[in-house]
Protein backbone atom coordinates (compact mmCIF):
# COMPACT_ATOMS: atom_id res chain seq x y z
CA MET A 1 37.76 145.11 166.64
CA THR A 2 38.81 143.40 163.44
CA LYS A 3 42.21 141.80 163.32
CA LYS A 4 44.85 143.91 161.57
CA ALA A 5 46.06 142.57 158.24
CA GLU A 6 49.76 141.72 158.15
CA ILE A 7 51.49 143.31 155.16
CA ASP A 8 55.03 143.89 153.91
CA LEU A 9 54.42 146.60 151.29
CA LEU A 10 52.14 149.62 150.91
CA ILE A 11 51.76 150.95 147.37
CA PHE A 12 50.11 154.36 147.14
CA ASP A 13 48.44 156.16 144.28
CA LEU A 14 49.50 159.83 144.20
CA ASP A 15 46.83 162.37 143.18
CA GLY A 16 43.80 162.17 145.44
CA THR A 17 45.44 159.60 147.72
CA LEU A 18 48.70 161.02 149.05
CA ILE A 19 48.42 164.57 147.75
CA GLU A 20 45.72 167.21 147.30
CA SER A 21 46.85 168.40 143.87
CA LYS A 22 43.68 169.23 141.98
CA TRP A 23 43.98 173.02 142.28
CA ASP A 24 47.45 173.20 140.71
CA ILE A 25 46.41 170.76 137.97
CA ALA A 26 43.30 172.79 137.13
CA ASP A 27 45.19 176.09 137.15
CA SER A 28 47.88 174.69 134.84
CA VAL A 29 45.26 173.26 132.46
CA ASN A 30 43.48 176.61 132.22
CA LEU A 31 46.77 178.48 131.70
CA THR A 32 47.44 176.02 128.85
CA LEU A 33 44.01 176.51 127.31
CA ARG A 34 44.43 180.28 127.53
CA ASP A 35 47.79 180.08 125.73
CA LEU A 36 46.24 177.92 122.99
CA GLY A 37 43.26 180.24 122.54
CA VAL A 38 40.82 177.58 123.72
CA PRO A 39 38.04 178.48 126.20
CA GLU A 40 38.96 177.79 129.82
CA ARG A 41 36.99 175.17 131.74
CA PRO A 42 35.40 175.20 135.22
CA GLN A 43 37.72 173.74 137.85
CA GLU A 44 35.21 171.07 138.87
CA GLU A 45 35.06 169.84 135.29
CA ILE A 46 38.86 169.54 135.12
CA PHE A 47 38.91 167.63 138.44
CA GLY A 48 36.75 165.02 136.71
CA PHE A 49 39.36 164.62 133.95
CA VAL A 50 42.16 163.62 136.36
CA GLY A 51 43.26 160.01 136.85
CA ASP A 52 44.03 158.55 133.44
CA GLY A 53 47.33 160.32 132.78
CA VAL A 54 48.25 163.70 131.36
CA LYS A 55 47.51 162.87 127.71
CA LYS A 56 43.91 161.94 128.46
CA LEU A 57 43.57 164.95 130.78
CA LEU A 58 44.64 167.37 128.07
CA ARG A 59 42.65 165.67 125.31
CA LEU A 60 39.50 166.08 127.37
CA ALA A 61 40.34 169.66 128.32
CA VAL A 62 41.27 170.79 124.81
CA GLY A 63 38.25 169.01 123.32
CA GLU A 64 37.52 166.75 120.37
CA GLY A 65 37.24 169.75 118.04
CA ASN A 66 40.85 170.77 118.60
CA LYS A 67 42.74 167.52 117.93
CA ASP A 68 45.43 169.42 116.04
CA LEU A 69 46.38 171.14 119.32
CA TYR A 70 46.96 167.98 121.40
CA ASP A 71 50.75 167.84 120.97
CA GLU A 72 51.13 171.57 121.56
CA ALA A 73 48.92 171.31 124.64
CA LEU A 74 51.23 168.69 126.14
CA ARG A 75 54.25 170.90 125.59
CA VAL A 76 52.62 174.05 126.96
CA PHE A 77 51.12 172.24 129.95
CA ARG A 78 54.51 170.80 130.89
CA GLY A 79 55.97 174.27 131.32
CA HIS A 80 53.05 175.56 133.37
CA TYR A 81 52.72 172.50 135.57
CA LEU A 82 56.43 172.19 136.38
CA GLU A 83 56.29 175.83 137.47
CA HIS A 84 53.08 175.54 139.50
CA CYS A 85 52.86 171.90 140.70
CA LEU A 86 53.84 172.82 144.26
CA ASP A 87 51.95 176.13 144.57
CA ARG A 88 49.08 174.63 146.60
CA THR A 89 49.78 170.90 146.43
CA SER A 90 50.46 169.17 149.74
CA PHE A 91 50.07 165.84 151.49
CA TYR A 92 46.53 165.35 152.76
CA PRO A 93 46.15 165.94 156.52
CA GLY A 94 47.19 162.74 158.27
CA ILE A 95 49.43 161.39 155.49
CA ASP A 96 52.67 162.49 157.17
CA GLN A 97 51.58 160.73 160.35
CA VAL A 98 50.71 157.55 158.43
CA LEU A 99 54.01 157.48 156.51
CA THR A 100 55.94 157.96 159.74
CA HIS A 101 53.90 155.27 161.49
CA PHE A 102 54.82 152.78 158.75
CA SER A 103 58.44 153.95 158.53
CA ALA A 104 59.72 150.39 159.03
CA LYS A 105 57.76 149.07 156.03
CA PRO A 106 58.70 149.65 152.39
CA LYS A 107 56.34 152.07 150.70
CA ALA A 108 56.05 152.78 146.97
CA VAL A 109 54.16 155.15 144.69
CA ALA A 110 52.45 153.87 141.54
CA THR A 111 50.70 156.65 139.65
CA ASN A 112 49.28 157.27 136.19
CA LYS A 113 50.87 160.72 136.46
CA ALA A 114 53.98 161.32 134.36
CA ILE A 115 57.13 160.43 136.29
CA GLU A 116 58.73 163.87 135.75
CA TYR A 117 55.95 165.67 137.64
CA THR A 118 55.79 162.90 140.22
CA HIS A 119 59.48 163.24 141.11
CA VAL A 120 59.27 167.04 141.38
CA ILE A 121 56.27 166.86 143.71
CA LEU A 122 57.63 164.08 145.92
CA LYS A 123 61.00 165.81 146.13
CA GLY A 124 59.18 168.89 147.42
CA LEU A 125 56.97 167.05 149.91
CA GLY A 126 58.90 164.05 151.24
CA PRO A 127 60.85 161.68 148.99
CA GLN A 128 62.45 159.92 151.98
CA HIS A 129 59.25 157.96 152.62
CA PHE A 130 59.29 155.94 149.40
CA VAL A 131 61.68 153.22 148.30
CA TYR A 132 60.29 152.96 144.78
CA VAL A 133 58.30 155.26 142.48
CA VAL A 134 56.77 154.42 139.10
CA GLY A 135 54.79 156.72 136.80
CA GLY A 136 52.41 156.43 133.90
CA ASP A 137 55.08 156.94 131.25
CA ASN A 138 57.59 154.41 132.61
CA GLY A 139 56.46 151.78 130.11
CA PHE A 140 54.34 149.51 132.31
CA GLY A 141 50.94 150.78 131.18
CA LEU A 142 48.36 152.78 133.10
CA LYS A 143 46.17 151.45 135.89
CA PRO A 144 43.77 149.58 135.67
CA GLU A 145 46.41 147.59 133.77
CA PRO A 146 48.37 145.66 136.41
CA GLY A 147 51.85 146.21 134.91
CA MET A 148 53.22 148.95 137.14
CA LEU A 149 51.96 147.24 140.31
CA VAL A 150 53.46 143.89 139.32
CA HIS A 151 56.72 145.68 138.48
CA VAL A 152 56.89 147.32 141.93
CA MET A 153 56.37 143.99 143.70
CA GLU A 154 59.01 142.31 141.54
CA GLN A 155 61.52 145.09 142.18
CA LEU A 156 60.98 144.95 145.94
CA GLY A 157 60.63 141.17 146.16
CA VAL A 158 57.27 141.22 147.95
CA GLU A 159 54.50 138.64 147.48
CA LYS A 160 51.05 139.65 146.28
CA ASP A 161 49.33 138.49 149.44
CA ARG A 162 51.61 140.75 151.52
CA THR A 163 50.94 143.87 149.43
CA VAL A 164 48.17 146.47 149.61
CA LEU A 165 47.39 149.25 147.13
CA VAL A 166 45.85 152.45 148.52
CA GLY A 167 44.00 154.56 145.97
CA ASP A 168 41.09 156.89 145.25
CA SER A 169 39.73 155.67 141.91
CA THR A 170 38.20 152.76 140.07
CA ASN A 171 41.48 152.54 138.14
CA ASP A 172 43.26 151.82 141.42
CA ILE A 173 40.76 149.24 142.66
CA ASN A 174 40.54 147.42 139.34
CA GLY A 175 44.29 147.72 138.79
CA GLY A 176 45.05 146.24 142.19
CA HIS A 177 42.66 143.37 141.70
CA ASN A 178 44.03 142.77 138.18
CA ALA A 179 47.48 142.51 139.78
CA GLY A 180 46.17 140.05 142.36
CA ILE A 181 46.56 142.32 145.39
CA ARG A 182 44.18 143.74 147.95
CA VAL A 183 43.06 147.34 147.70
CA CYS A 184 42.10 149.98 150.24
CA ALA A 185 39.96 152.71 148.65
CA VAL A 186 39.94 156.22 150.13
CA GLY A 187 36.82 158.38 150.23
CA TYR A 188 38.57 161.72 150.70
CA GLY A 189 40.16 161.97 147.22
CA MET A 190 38.87 162.78 143.75
CA GLY A 191 37.24 159.44 142.94
CA ASN A 192 33.50 158.81 142.62
CA ARG A 193 32.40 157.00 145.79
CA GLN A 194 29.60 154.98 144.21
CA LYS A 195 31.76 153.82 141.32
CA MET A 196 34.57 152.86 143.72
CA ALA A 197 32.22 150.93 145.99
CA ALA A 198 30.86 149.05 142.96
CA CYS A 199 34.42 147.81 142.26
CA GLN A 200 34.42 146.12 145.67
CA PRO A 201 37.63 147.31 147.32
CA ASP A 202 38.80 145.18 150.24
CA TRP A 203 38.66 148.19 152.57
CA PHE A 204 37.17 151.69 152.31
CA ILE A 205 38.45 154.48 154.56
CA GLU A 206 37.46 158.11 155.08
CA ARG A 207 40.69 159.40 156.67
CA PRO A 208 44.34 158.46 156.04
CA GLU A 209 44.85 157.74 159.76
CA GLU A 210 42.54 154.73 159.47
CA LEU A 211 45.35 152.89 157.64
CA MET A 212 47.15 152.61 160.96
CA GLU A 213 44.17 150.70 162.36
CA LEU A 214 43.97 148.29 159.43
CA PHE A 215 47.53 147.11 158.83
CA ILE A 216 50.44 145.82 160.82
């Protein structure tokens, strides 16, 4: 058995890592498109748009031919998503157990999702687990830029070599490495497995519970 890595901080991505949120996102996108008079999109297609923040999500969903609707789409989506973001969204099976297991260690969330939605969802599911939360519109850039990850470590006073980022996308893996920290990729989220593997994460797990076997 490999020796467990000693760490002082776990930073988690949100969508596709801690929470299964794709259904509520897709439903809210299609409600937005319907309100704007734009054709709805298949759910699977919308799932592929998630990960680069809400502006990119809605630009892709609305389409290049409807650029004049981008601002309106953001406004309309906000109303729908705040209403529906906890309809079916929940922690992935095993996440509660993992967070409890690491209760003595500081844990943070660093997501490209807007901070308003992030706070609403975490408040509904379990805000007590996280000592610090940063979102895509907090001014530190979006992953794969390292800004939000560096900010979290600075705020919590933890060294890079004692920090691990857990995420489900190439943005997470590249962002973690750009910030000088190790990354554990998860295969159960929304990310493309082959693309993630090509980014050479330090670990790759299939179930959240495996985190308990990797870190101490």
